[in-house]
Amino acid sequence: MAEPSPVTKLLLAGSCACVADALTFPMDTVKVRMQMAAGGAAAAASSSSIVGTFRNIVSNEGAARLYGGLNAGLQRQFAFASIRIGFYEPVKQLYMDRLGLTAAGAGPATLMAVRLLAGITTGAMAVCAAQPTDVVKVRMQGSAGRYPSCAAAYSTIWRTEGLAGLWRGTGPSVARNAIVNCAEVVSYDTIKTYLVARLGMPNSVGTHFLAGLCSGFIATLVASPVDVVKTRLMSARPEERAGVVSVARGLYQQSGLRGFYKVFMPSFARIAGWNILMFVLYEKAKSSYGQLAELAAALPRPVMAKERQVL
């Protein structure tokens, strides 16, 4: 089957990520609200559970608020996923080629090291390219009426906080995306390979579903602490600015280690759901593209007018 080009993989990954994001966005809004409230006094009153937070948003702000920041979210997903997922395989192959390795000849530890290096690389690249979209998304999800539109959010942040405001939280975002990319993409790649090569499972939707679910759990487990700190840091107003260490210390003093995992279930529901949709759609898109490319190559080439004259 024909393999999509790196640019095609970028476009397919970004498009599939947007579909997955649109379908799971309400849960992401609930997760962000609960992360912002984690450890605070209001948490018990308004964010004690997924259902409670969901109900409060709908009753107080309207159901449409669950999709607040969707435009920024889709921009973020296309920019982030196209790079961190779409470029993962090409970057992994680049490292394999530079190191003179082959999938058959390299040992499991070496292959894992290359996968992790590729995951860290594409995760960091994604942050460098798309951090402003993440800042706007979190701000618009965090509070109703703060910004009337996505464009207004970019404009207001630029005008009041400057370039630094749009790139706020880059440090935690780099850490989070390196962790999440390794936990999501690398674990998905490793688990899928194990299921197919070692357990003999078919390279099918069911296998992709299972690998996506497992990688979603791993990603939630390892990334939740960084995700909570990143969300609270980016959602803070200018007068509430604090460093990464200060935010983490304050959260720990308020709630201990539990504060970093207080919203584990909504995070898992969001990340696992997104992973399953993303990877099932992405694998299907790559497969369909390969089949279409082979079909197009097999079609007879039309004879041009000049060629007919020669004949």
C-alpha atoms as a PDB file:
ATOM      1  CA  MET A   1       0.000   0.000   0.000  1.00  0.00           C
ATOM      2  CA  ALA A   2       1.273   3.474  -0.888  1.00  0.00           C
ATOM      3  CA  GLU A   3       2.592   5.434   2.086  1.00  0.00           C
ATOM      4  CA  PRO A   4       1.347   9.031   2.443  1.00  0.00           C
ATOM      5  CA  SER A   5       4.000  11.729   2.175  1.00  0.00           C
ATOM      6  CA  PRO A   6       5.047  13.679   5.318  1.00  0.00           C
ATOM      7  CA  VAL A   7       2.977  16.685   4.213  1.00  0.00           C
ATOM      8  CA  THR A   8      -0.047  14.455   3.603  1.00  0.00           C
ATOM      9  CA  LYS A   9       0.358  12.890   7.047  1.00  0.00           C
ATOM     10  CA  LEU A  10       0.506  16.394   8.533  1.00  0.00           C
ATOM     11  CA  LEU A  11      -2.767  17.379   6.869  1.00  0.00           C
ATOM     12  CA  LEU A  12      -4.491  14.092   7.718  1.00  0.00           C
ATOM     13  CA  ALA A  13      -3.404  14.248  11.361  1.00  0.00           C
ATOM     14  CA  GLY A  14      -4.544  17.851  11.739  1.00  0.00           C
ATOM     15  CA  SER A  15      -7.925  17.146  10.124  1.00  0.00           C
ATOM     16  CA  CYS A  16      -8.590  14.010  12.209  1.00  0.00           C
ATOM     17  CA  ALA A  17      -7.592  15.891  15.357  1.00  0.00           C
ATOM     18  CA  CYS A  18     -10.174  18.594  14.616  1.00  0.00           C
ATOM     19  CA  VAL A  19     -12.937  15.986  14.271  1.00  0.00           C
ATOM     20  CA  ALA A  20     -11.894  14.283  17.522  1.00  0.00           C
ATOM     21  CA  ASP A  21     -11.666  17.653  19.285  1.00  0.00           C
ATOM     22  CA  ALA A  22     -15.117  18.786  18.173  1.00  0.00           C
ATOM     23  CA  LEU A  23     -16.691  15.568  19.452  1.00  0.00           C
ATOM     24  CA  THR A  24     -14.962  15.658  22.849  1.00  0.00           C
ATOM     25  CA  PHE A  25     -14.804  19.419  23.419  1.00  0.00           C
ATOM     26  CA  PRO A  26     -17.567  19.627  26.077  1.00  0.00           C
ATOM     27  CA  MET A  27     -15.610  17.238  28.284  1.00  0.00           C
ATOM     28  CA  ASP A  28     -12.507  19.365  27.771  1.00  0.00           C
ATOM     29  CA  THR A  29     -14.407  22.445  28.965  1.00  0.00           C
ATOM     30  CA  VAL A  30     -15.535  20.556  32.073  1.00  0.00           C
ATOM     31  CA  LYS A  31     -11.956  19.398  32.660  1.00  0.00           C
ATOM     32  CA  VAL A  32     -10.550  22.933  32.365  1.00  0.00           C
ATOM     33  CA  ARG A  33     -13.145  24.339  34.784  1.00  0.00           C
ATOM     34  CA  MET A  34     -12.373  21.637  37.330  1.00  0.00           C
ATOM     35  CA  GLN A  35      -8.618  22.164  36.931  1.00  0.00           C
ATOM     36  CA  MET A  36      -8.974  25.897  37.504  1.00  0.00           C
ATOM     37  CA  ALA A  37     -11.009  25.254  40.656  1.00  0.00           C
ATOM     38  CA  ALA A  38      -8.829  22.410  41.953  1.00  0.00           C
ATOM     39  CA  GLY A  39      -7.883  23.088  45.532  1.00  0.00           C
ATOM     40  CA  GLY A  40      -9.902  26.289  45.736  1.00  0.00           C
ATOM     41  CA  ALA A  41     -12.745  27.017  48.061  1.00  0.00           C
ATOM     42  CA  ALA A  42     -15.218  27.047  45.220  1.00  0.00           C
ATOM     43  CA  ALA A  43     -14.287  23.583  44.158  1.00  0.00           C
ATOM     44  CA  ALA A  44     -16.529  21.825  46.609  1.00  0.00           C
ATOM     45  CA  ALA A  45     -19.473  23.986  45.686  1.00  0.00           C
ATOM     46  CA  SER A  46     -19.278  23.940  41.930  1.00  0.00           C
ATOM     47  CA  SER A  47     -16.720  21.430  40.701  1.00  0.00           C
ATOM     48  CA  SER A  48     -17.122  18.406  42.926  1.00  0.00           C
ATOM     49  CA  SER A  49     -17.901  16.058  40.037  1.00  0.00           C
ATOM     50  CA  ILE A  50     -18.033  15.818  36.278  1.00  0.00           C
ATOM     51  CA  VAL A  51     -21.826  15.793  36.296  1.00  0.00           C
ATOM     52  CA  GLY A  52     -22.014  18.684  38.785  1.00  0.00           C
ATOM     53  CA  THR A  53     -19.655  20.859  36.758  1.00  0.00           C
ATOM     54  CA  PHE A  54     -21.454  19.984  33.534  1.00  0.00           C
ATOM     55  CA  ARG A  55     -24.825  20.844  35.082  1.00  0.00           C
ATOM     56  CA  ASN A  56     -23.546  24.144  36.499  1.00  0.00           C
ATOM     57  CA  ILE A  57     -22.176  25.283  33.160  1.00  0.00           C
ATOM     58  CA  VAL A  58     -25.396  24.429  31.311  1.00  0.00           C
ATOM     59  CA  SER A  59     -27.741  25.944  33.911  1.00  0.00           C
ATOM     60  CA  ASN A  60     -25.734  29.118  34.597  1.00  0.00           C
ATOM     61  CA  GLU A  61     -24.180  29.868  31.232  1.00  0.00           C
ATOM     62  CA  GLY A  62     -26.139  27.838  28.681  1.00  0.00           C
ATOM     63  CA  ALA A  63     -25.296  24.675  26.773  1.00  0.00           C
ATOM     64  CA  ALA A  64     -23.422  26.645  24.113  1.00  0.00           C
ATOM     65  CA  ARG A  65     -20.839  27.522  26.762  1.00  0.00           C
ATOM     66  CA  LEU A  66     -19.613  23.926  26.647  1.00  0.00           C
ATOM     67  CA  TYR A  67     -18.250  24.828  23.229  1.00  0.00           C
ATOM     68  CA  GLY A  68     -16.790  28.161  24.332  1.00  0.00           C
ATOM     69  CA  GLY A  69     -13.397  28.526  22.678  1.00  0.00           C
ATOM     70  CA  LEU A  70     -14.080  25.823  20.086  1.00  0.00           C
ATOM     71  CA  ASN A  71     -12.662  27.958  17.266  1.00  0.00           C
ATOM     72  CA  ALA A  72      -9.424  28.408  19.178  1.00  0.00           C
ATOM     73  CA  GLY A  73      -9.535  24.741  20.140  1.00  0.00           C
ATOM     74  CA  LEU A  74      -9.755  23.631  16.515  1.00  0.00           C
ATOM     75  CA  GLN A  75      -6.961  25.987  15.555  1.00  0.00           C
ATOM     76  CA  ARG A  76      -4.887  24.566  18.375  1.00  0.00           C
ATOM     77  CA  GLN A  77      -5.596  20.961  17.493  1.00  0.00           C
ATOM     78  CA  PHE A  78      -4.791  21.382  13.820  1.00  0.00           C
ATOM     79  CA  ALA A  79      -1.541  23.188  14.599  1.00  0.00           C
ATOM     80  CA  PHE A  80      -0.498  20.864  17.425  1.00  0.00           C
ATOM     81  CA  ALA A  81      -1.627  17.478  16.119  1.00  0.00           C
ATOM     82  CA  SER A  82      -0.469  18.013  12.561  1.00  0.00           C
ATOM     83  CA  ILE A  83       3.065  18.487  13.887  1.00  0.00           C
ATOM     84  CA  ARG A  84       3.288  16.230  16.927  1.00  0.00           C
ATOM     85  CA  ILE A  85       1.386  13.308  15.351  1.00  0.00           C
ATOM     86  CA  GLY A  86       1.686  13.926  11.609  1.00  0.00           C
ATOM     87  CA  PHE A  87       5.454  14.429  11.801  1.00  0.00           C
ATOM     88  CA  TYR A  88       6.083  11.691  14.385  1.00  0.00           C
ATOM     89  CA  GLU A  89       6.672   8.871  11.896  1.00  0.00           C
ATOM     90  CA  PRO A  90       8.855  10.944   9.515  1.00  0.00           C
ATOM     91  CA  VAL A  91      10.947  12.257  12.428  1.00  0.00           C
ATOM     92  CA  LYS A  92      11.269   8.746  13.888  1.00  0.00           C
ATOM     93  CA  GLN A  93      12.420   7.447  10.510  1.00  0.00           C
ATOM     94  CA  LEU A  94      14.853  10.357  10.228  1.00  0.00           C
ATOM     95  CA  TYR A  95      16.463   9.399  13.529  1.00  0.00           C
ATOM     96  CA  MET A  96      16.541   5.744  12.493  1.00  0.00           C
ATOM     97  CA  ASP A  97      18.294   6.653   9.237  1.00  0.00           C
ATOM     98  CA  ARG A  98      20.780   9.003  10.904  1.00  0.00           C
ATOM     99  CA  LEU A  99      21.675   6.347  13.467  1.00  0.00           C
ATOM    100  CA  GLY A 100      21.879   3.622  10.832  1.00  0.00           C
ATOM    101  CA  LEU A 101      19.127   1.556  12.460  1.00  0.00           C
ATOM    102  CA  THR A 102      16.418  -0.678  11.051  1.00  0.00           C
ATOM    103  CA  ALA A 103      13.229  -1.884  12.698  1.00  0.00           C
ATOM    104  CA  ALA A 104      14.344  -5.492  12.289  1.00  0.00           C
ATOM    105  CA  GLY A 105      17.915  -4.983  13.437  1.00  0.00           C
ATOM    106  CA  ALA A 106      17.482  -2.639  16.397  1.00  0.00           C
ATOM    107  CA  GLY A 107      16.740  -3.980  19.853  1.00  0.00           C
ATOM    108  CA  PRO A 108      13.582  -3.122  21.826  1.00  0.00           C
ATOM    109  CA  ALA A 109      15.403  -0.644  24.088  1.00  0.00           C
ATOM    110  CA  THR A 110      16.949   1.147  21.111  1.00  0.00           C
ATOM    111  CA  LEU A 111      13.625   1.339  19.291  1.00  0.00           C
ATOM    112  CA  MET A 112      11.950   2.735  22.405  1.00  0.00           C
ATOM    113  CA  ALA A 113      14.687   5.370  22.803  1.00  0.00           C
ATOM    114  CA  VAL A 114      14.220   6.469  19.173  1.00  0.00           C
ATOM    115  CA  ARG A 115      10.443   6.615  19.622  1.00  0.00           C
ATOM    116  CA  LEU A 116      10.788   8.717  22.772  1.00  0.00           C
ATOM    117  CA  LEU A 117      13.255  11.059  21.068  1.00  0.00           C
ATOM    118  CA  ALA A 118      10.876  11.513  18.133  1.00  0.00           C
ATOM    119  CA  GLY A 119       7.947  12.112  20.479  1.00  0.00           C
ATOM    120  CA  ILE A 120       9.828  14.737  22.488  1.00  0.00           C
ATOM    121  CA  THR A 121      11.010  16.444  19.292  1.00  0.00           C
ATOM    122  CA  THR A 122       7.610  16.743  17.625  1.00  0.00           C
ATOM    123  CA  GLY A 123       5.924  17.691  20.916  1.00  0.00           C
ATOM    124  CA  ALA A 124       8.333  20.585  21.415  1.00  0.00           C
ATOM    125  CA  MET A 125       8.003  21.641  17.774  1.00  0.00           C
ATOM    126  CA  ALA A 126       4.229  21.803  18.159  1.00  0.00           C
ATOM    127  CA  VAL A 127       4.442  24.124  21.165  1.00  0.00           C
ATOM    128  CA  CYS A 128       6.862  26.453  19.382  1.00  0.00           C
ATOM    129  CA  ALA A 129       4.427  26.760  16.491  1.00  0.00           C
ATOM    130  CA  ALA A 130       1.051  26.876  18.229  1.00  0.00           C
ATOM    131  CA  GLN A 131       1.272  28.120  21.832  1.00  0.00           C
ATOM    132  CA  PRO A 132      -0.920  31.241  21.255  1.00  0.00           C
ATOM    133  CA  THR A 133      -3.827  29.054  20.150  1.00  0.00           C
ATOM    134  CA  ASP A 134      -3.577  27.115  23.412  1.00  0.00           C
ATOM    135  CA  VAL A 135      -3.565  30.284  25.514  1.00  0.00           C
ATOM    136  CA  VAL A 136      -6.672  31.643  23.751  1.00  0.00           C
ATOM    137  CA  LYS A 137      -8.481  28.304  24.034  1.00  0.00           C
ATOM    138  CA  VAL A 138      -7.905  28.053  27.790  1.00  0.00           C
ATOM    139  CA  ARG A 139      -8.872  31.696  28.381  1.00  0.00           C
ATOM    140  CA  MET A 140     -12.137  31.338  26.443  1.00  0.00           C
ATOM    141  CA  GLN A 141     -13.033  28.059  28.150  1.00  0.00           C
ATOM    142  CA  GLY A 142     -12.203  29.387  31.589  1.00  0.00           C
ATOM    143  CA  SER A 143     -14.718  32.226  31.949  1.00  0.00           C
ATOM    144  CA  ALA A 144     -17.900  33.301  30.217  1.00  0.00           C
ATOM    145  CA  GLY A 145     -17.985  36.691  28.512  1.00  0.00           C
ATOM    146  CA  ARG A 146     -14.313  37.451  29.019  1.00  0.00           C
ATOM    147  CA  TYR A 147     -13.760  37.607  25.265  1.00  0.00           C
ATOM    148  CA  PRO A 148     -16.605  38.001  22.736  1.00  0.00           C
ATOM    149  CA  SER A 149     -14.794  36.065  20.007  1.00  0.00           C
ATOM    150  CA  CYS A 150     -11.628  34.200  19.187  1.00  0.00           C
ATOM    151  CA  ALA A 151     -10.253  37.156  17.212  1.00  0.00           C
ATOM    152  CA  ALA A 152     -11.061  39.501  20.092  1.00  0.00           C
ATOM    153  CA  ALA A 153      -9.173  37.217  22.474  1.00  0.00           C
ATOM    154  CA  TYR A 154      -6.024  37.349  20.363  1.00  0.00           C
ATOM    155  CA  SER A 155      -6.341  41.114  19.998  1.00  0.00           C
ATOM    156  CA  THR A 156      -7.005  41.773  23.690  1.00  0.00           C
ATOM    157  CA  ILE A 157      -4.183  39.572  24.920  1.00  0.00           C
ATOM    158  CA  TRP A 158      -1.780  41.146  22.432  1.00  0.00           C
ATOM    159  CA  ARG A 159      -2.850  44.686  23.396  1.00  0.00           C
ATOM    160  CA  THR A 160      -2.854  44.213  27.184  1.00  0.00           C
ATOM    161  CA  GLU A 161      -0.122  41.635  27.703  1.00  0.00           C
ATOM    162  CA  GLY A 162       1.989  41.812  24.588  1.00  0.00           C
ATOM    163  CA  LEU A 163       3.758  38.950  22.876  1.00  0.00           C
ATOM    164  CA  ALA A 164       4.589  37.397  26.241  1.00  0.00           C
ATOM    165  CA  GLY A 165       0.883  37.043  26.981  1.00  0.00           C
ATOM    166  CA  LEU A 166       0.260  34.975  23.863  1.00  0.00           C
ATOM    167  CA  TRP A 167       3.209  32.748  24.693  1.00  0.00           C
ATOM    168  CA  ARG A 168       2.424  32.527  28.388  1.00  0.00           C
ATOM    169  CA  GLY A 169       2.920  29.093  29.905  1.00  0.00           C
ATOM    170  CA  THR A 170       5.292  27.968  27.167  1.00  0.00           C
ATOM    171  CA  GLY A 171       7.562  26.244  29.700  1.00  0.00           C
ATOM    172  CA  PRO A 172       4.818  24.045  31.175  1.00  0.00           C
ATOM    173  CA  SER A 173       3.396  23.514  27.689  1.00  0.00           C
ATOM    174  CA  VAL A 174       6.726  22.228  26.378  1.00  0.00           C
ATOM    175  CA  ALA A 175       6.978  19.897  29.370  1.00  0.00           C
ATOM    176  CA  ARG A 176       3.354  18.786  29.028  1.00  0.00           C
ATOM    177  CA  ASN A 177       3.533  18.194  25.284  1.00  0.00           C
ATOM    178  CA  ALA A 178       6.788  16.289  25.534  1.00  0.00           C
ATOM    179  CA  ILE A 179       5.200  14.095  28.210  1.00  0.00           C
ATOM    180  CA  VAL A 180       1.810  13.783  26.502  1.00  0.00           C
ATOM    181  CA  ASN A 181       3.316  13.133  23.102  1.00  0.00           C
ATOM    182  CA  CYS A 182       5.459  10.332  24.487  1.00  0.00           C
ATOM    183  CA  ALA A 183       2.562   8.981  26.542  1.00  0.00           C
ATOM    184  CA  GLU A 184       0.063   9.225  23.677  1.00  0.00           C
ATOM    185  CA  VAL A 185       1.878   8.755  20.395  1.00  0.00           C
ATOM    186  CA  VAL A 186       4.837   6.664  21.561  1.00  0.00           C
ATOM    187  CA  SER A 187       2.720   4.421  23.770  1.00  0.00           C
ATOM    188  CA  TYR A 188       0.140   4.059  20.974  1.00  0.00           C
ATOM    189  CA  ASP A 189       2.879   3.140  18.509  1.00  0.00           C
ATOM    190  CA  THR A 190       4.430   0.671  20.954  1.00  0.00           C
ATOM    191  CA  ILE A 191       1.152  -0.913  22.075  1.00  0.00           C
ATOM    192  CA  LYS A 192      -0.196  -1.241  18.528  1.00  0.00           C
ATOM    193  CA  THR A 193       3.061  -2.853  17.387  1.00  0.00           C
ATOM    194  CA  TYR A 194       2.936  -5.269  20.333  1.00  0.00           C
ATOM    195  CA  LEU A 195      -0.704  -6.189  19.700  1.00  0.00           C
ATOM    196  CA  VAL A 196      -0.113  -6.825  16.015  1.00  0.00           C
ATOM    197  CA  ALA A 197       3.397  -8.320  15.991  1.00  0.00           C
ATOM    198  CA  ARG A 198       3.420 -10.232  19.278  1.00  0.00           C
ATOM    199  CA  LEU A 199      -0.226 -11.103  19.936  1.00  0.00           C
ATOM    200  CA  GLY A 200      -1.199 -11.586  16.305  1.00  0.00           C
ATOM    201  CA  MET A 201      -4.114  -9.152  16.385  1.00  0.00           C
ATOM    202  CA  PRO A 202      -5.178  -7.734  13.006  1.00  0.00           C
ATOM    203  CA  ASN A 203      -4.190  -4.178  12.151  1.00  0.00           C
ATOM    204  CA  SER A 204      -7.857  -3.186  12.361  1.00  0.00           C
ATOM    205  CA  VAL A 205     -10.192  -0.677  13.976  1.00  0.00           C
ATOM    206  CA  GLY A 206     -10.531  -2.856  17.093  1.00  0.00           C
ATOM    207  CA  THR A 207      -6.767  -2.915  17.602  1.00  0.00           C
ATOM    208  CA  HIS A 208      -6.517   0.828  17.029  1.00  0.00           C
ATOM    209  CA  PHE A 209      -9.362   1.382  19.528  1.00  0.00           C
ATOM    210  CA  LEU A 210      -7.644  -0.705  22.217  1.00  0.00           C
ATOM    211  CA  ALA A 211      -4.243   0.915  21.637  1.00  0.00           C
ATOM    212  CA  GLY A 212      -5.844   4.377  21.745  1.00  0.00           C
ATOM    213  CA  LEU A 213      -7.639   3.597  25.014  1.00  0.00           C
ATOM    214  CA  CYS A 214      -4.454   2.304  26.675  1.00  0.00           C
ATOM    215  CA  SER A 215      -2.372   5.247  25.480  1.00  0.00           C
ATOM    216  CA  GLY A 216      -5.076   7.622  26.739  1.00  0.00           C
ATOM    217  CA  PHE A 217      -4.839   6.156  30.240  1.00  0.00           C
ATOM    218  CA  ILE A 218      -1.041   6.394  30.225  1.00  0.00           C
ATOM    219  CA  ALA A 219      -1.150   9.977  28.956  1.00  0.00           C
ATOM    220  CA  THR A 220      -3.631  11.029  31.647  1.00  0.00           C
ATOM    221  CA  LEU A 221      -1.599   9.378  34.376  1.00  0.00           C
ATOM    222  CA  VAL A 222       1.695  11.029  33.542  1.00  0.00           C
ATOM    223  CA  ALA A 223       0.487  14.412  32.240  1.00  0.00           C
ATOM    224  CA  SER A 224      -2.220  15.428  34.737  1.00  0.00           C
ATOM    225  CA  PRO A 225       0.089  17.291  37.171  1.00  0.00           C
ATOM    226  CA  VAL A 226       1.671  19.378  34.414  1.00  0.00           C
ATOM    227  CA  ASP A 227      -1.712  19.925  32.770  1.00  0.00           C
ATOM    228  CA  VAL A 228      -3.261  21.309  35.963  1.00  0.00           C
ATOM    229  CA  VAL A 229      -0.371  23.743  36.513  1.00  0.00           C
ATOM    230  CA  LYS A 230      -0.400  24.811  32.854  1.00  0.00           C
ATOM    231  CA  THR A 231      -4.150  25.480  32.850  1.00  0.00           C
ATOM    232  CA  ARG A 232      -4.086  27.574  36.036  1.00  0.00           C
ATOM    233  CA  LEU A 233      -1.039  29.488  34.822  1.00  0.00           C
ATOM    234  CA  MET A 234      -2.476  30.368  31.413  1.00  0.00           C
ATOM    235  CA  SER A 235      -5.964  31.205  32.688  1.00  0.00           C
ATOM    236  CA  ALA A 236      -4.749  33.695  35.318  1.00  0.00           C
ATOM    237  CA  ARG A 237      -5.326  37.402  34.784  1.00  0.00           C
ATOM    238  CA  PRO A 238      -2.320  39.757  34.422  1.00  0.00           C
ATOM    239  CA  GLU A 239      -2.588  40.912  38.038  1.00  0.00           C
ATOM    240  CA  GLU A 240      -2.562  37.291  39.196  1.00  0.00           C
ATOM    241  CA  ARG A 241       0.618  36.322  37.373  1.00  0.00           C
ATOM    242  CA  ALA A 242       2.851  33.799  39.072  1.00  0.00           C
ATOM    243  CA  GLY A 243       5.624  31.474  38.031  1.00  0.00           C
ATOM    244  CA  VAL A 244       5.376  27.761  37.402  1.00  0.00           C
ATOM    245  CA  VAL A 245       6.996  26.918  40.734  1.00  0.00           C
ATOM    246  CA  SER A 246       4.703  29.298  42.639  1.00  0.00           C
ATOM    247  CA  VAL A 247       1.569  27.844  41.061  1.00  0.00           C
ATOM    248  CA  ALA A 248       2.692  24.284  41.739  1.00  0.00           C
ATOM    249  CA  ARG A 249       3.699  25.109  45.315  1.00  0.00           C
ATOM    250  CA  GLY A 250       0.403  26.857  46.016  1.00  0.00           C
ATOM    251  CA  LEU A 251      -1.588  23.937  44.646  1.00  0.00           C
ATOM    252  CA  TYR A 252       0.436  21.478  46.721  1.00  0.00           C
ATOM    253  CA  GLN A 253      -0.012  23.553  49.881  1.00  0.00           C
ATOM    254  CA  GLN A 254      -3.763  23.698  49.330  1.00  0.00           C
ATOM    255  CA  SER A 255      -4.459  20.099  48.358  1.00  0.00           C
ATOM    256  CA  GLY A 256      -1.261  18.072  48.494  1.00  0.00           C
ATOM    257  CA  LEU A 257      -0.542  15.580  45.726  1.00  0.00           C
ATOM    258  CA  ARG A 258      -4.271  14.961  45.341  1.00  0.00           C
ATOM    259  CA  GLY A 259      -4.620  18.463  43.921  1.00  0.00           C
ATOM    260  CA  PHE A 260      -2.621  17.481  40.853  1.00  0.00           C
ATOM    261  CA  TYR A 261      -4.911  14.500  40.214  1.00  0.00           C
ATOM    262  CA  LYS A 262      -8.173  15.939  41.510  1.00  0.00           C
ATOM    263  CA  VAL A 263      -9.660  16.010  38.011  1.00  0.00           C
ATOM    264  CA  PHE A 264      -8.214  12.699  36.843  1.00  0.00           C
ATOM    265  CA  MET A 265     -11.530  11.213  35.666  1.00  0.00           C
ATOM    266  CA  PRO A 266     -12.612  14.135  33.443  1.00  0.00           C
ATOM    267  CA  SER A 267      -9.063  14.303  32.115  1.00  0.00           C
ATOM    268  CA  PHE A 268      -9.118  10.584  31.357  1.00  0.00           C
ATOM    269  CA  ALA A 269     -12.564  10.805  29.741  1.00  0.00           C
ATOM    270  CA  ARG A 270     -11.388  13.643  27.526  1.00  0.00           C
ATOM    271  CA  ILE A 271      -7.929  12.285  26.640  1.00  0.00           C
ATOM    272  CA  ALA A 272      -8.982   8.655  26.170  1.00  0.00           C
ATOM    273  CA  GLY A 273     -11.993   9.653  24.079  1.00  0.00           C
ATOM    274  CA  TRP A 274      -9.859  11.980  21.988  1.00  0.00           C
ATOM    275  CA  ASN A 275      -7.132   9.364  21.535  1.00  0.00           C
ATOM    276  CA  ILE A 276      -9.543   6.674  20.408  1.00  0.00           C
ATOM    277  CA  LEU A 277     -11.227   8.951  17.879  1.00  0.00           C
ATOM    278  CA  MET A 278      -7.957  10.476  16.704  1.00  0.00           C
ATOM    279  CA  PHE A 279      -6.043   7.276  16.086  1.00  0.00           C
ATOM    280  CA  VAL A 280      -8.955   5.282  14.648  1.00  0.00           C
ATOM    281  CA  LEU A 281      -9.702   8.109  12.211  1.00  0.00           C
ATOM    282  CA  TYR A 282      -6.029   8.738  11.428  1.00  0.00           C
ATOM    283  CA  GLU A 283      -5.246   5.085  10.739  1.00  0.00           C
ATOM    284  CA  LYS A 284      -8.341   4.840   8.522  1.00  0.00           C
ATOM    285  CA  ALA A 285      -7.436   8.055   6.711  1.00  0.00           C
ATOM    286  CA  LYS A 286      -3.893   6.831   5.987  1.00  0.00           C
ATOM    287  CA  SER A 287      -5.208   3.469   4.807  1.00  0.00           C
ATOM    288  CA  SER A 288      -7.857   5.071   2.577  1.00  0.00           C
ATOM    289  CA  TYR A 289      -5.310   7.480   1.138  1.00  0.00           C
ATOM    290  CA  GLY A 290      -2.975   4.593   0.310  1.00  0.00           C
ATOM    291  CA  GLN A 291      -5.765   2.656  -1.377  1.00  0.00           C
ATOM    292  CA  LEU A 292      -6.822   5.691  -3.400  1.00  0.00           C
ATOM    293  CA  ALA A 293      -3.221   6.363  -4.409  1.00  0.00           C
ATOM    294  CA  GLU A 294      -2.810   2.776  -5.626  1.00  0.00           C
ATOM    295  CA  LEU A 295      -6.108   2.957  -7.486  1.00  0.00           C
ATOM    296  CA  ALA A 296      -5.108   6.220  -9.149  1.00  0.00           C
ATOM    297  CA  ALA A 297      -1.747   4.746 -10.166  1.00  0.00           C
ATOM    298  CA  ALA A 298      -3.478   1.735 -11.736  1.00  0.00           C
ATOM    299  CA  LEU A 299      -5.785   3.833 -13.897  1.00  0.00           C
ATOM    300  CA  PRO A 300      -4.770   4.192 -17.561  1.00  0.00           C
ATOM    301  CA  ARG A 301      -3.040   7.474 -18.256  1.00  0.00           C
ATOM    302  CA  PRO A 302      -5.012   9.691 -20.650  1.00  0.00           C
ATOM    303  CA  VAL A 303      -3.343  10.334 -24.010  1.00  0.00           C
ATOM    304  CA  MET A 304      -2.645  14.027 -24.519  1.00  0.00           C
ATOM    305  CA  ALA A 305      -3.383  15.771 -27.822  1.00  0.00           C
ATOM    306  CA  LYS A 306       0.297  16.099 -28.774  1.00  0.00           C
ATOM    307  CA  GLU A 307       0.864  12.424 -28.076  1.00  0.00           C
ATOM    308  CA  ARG A 308      -2.079  11.501 -30.344  1.00  0.00           C
ATOM    309  CA  GLN A 309      -0.556  13.569 -33.133  1.00  0.00           C
ATOM    310  CA  VAL A 310       2.748  11.713 -32.805  1.00  0.00           C
ATOM    311  CA  LEU A 311       0.923   8.383 -32.893  1.00  0.00           C
END
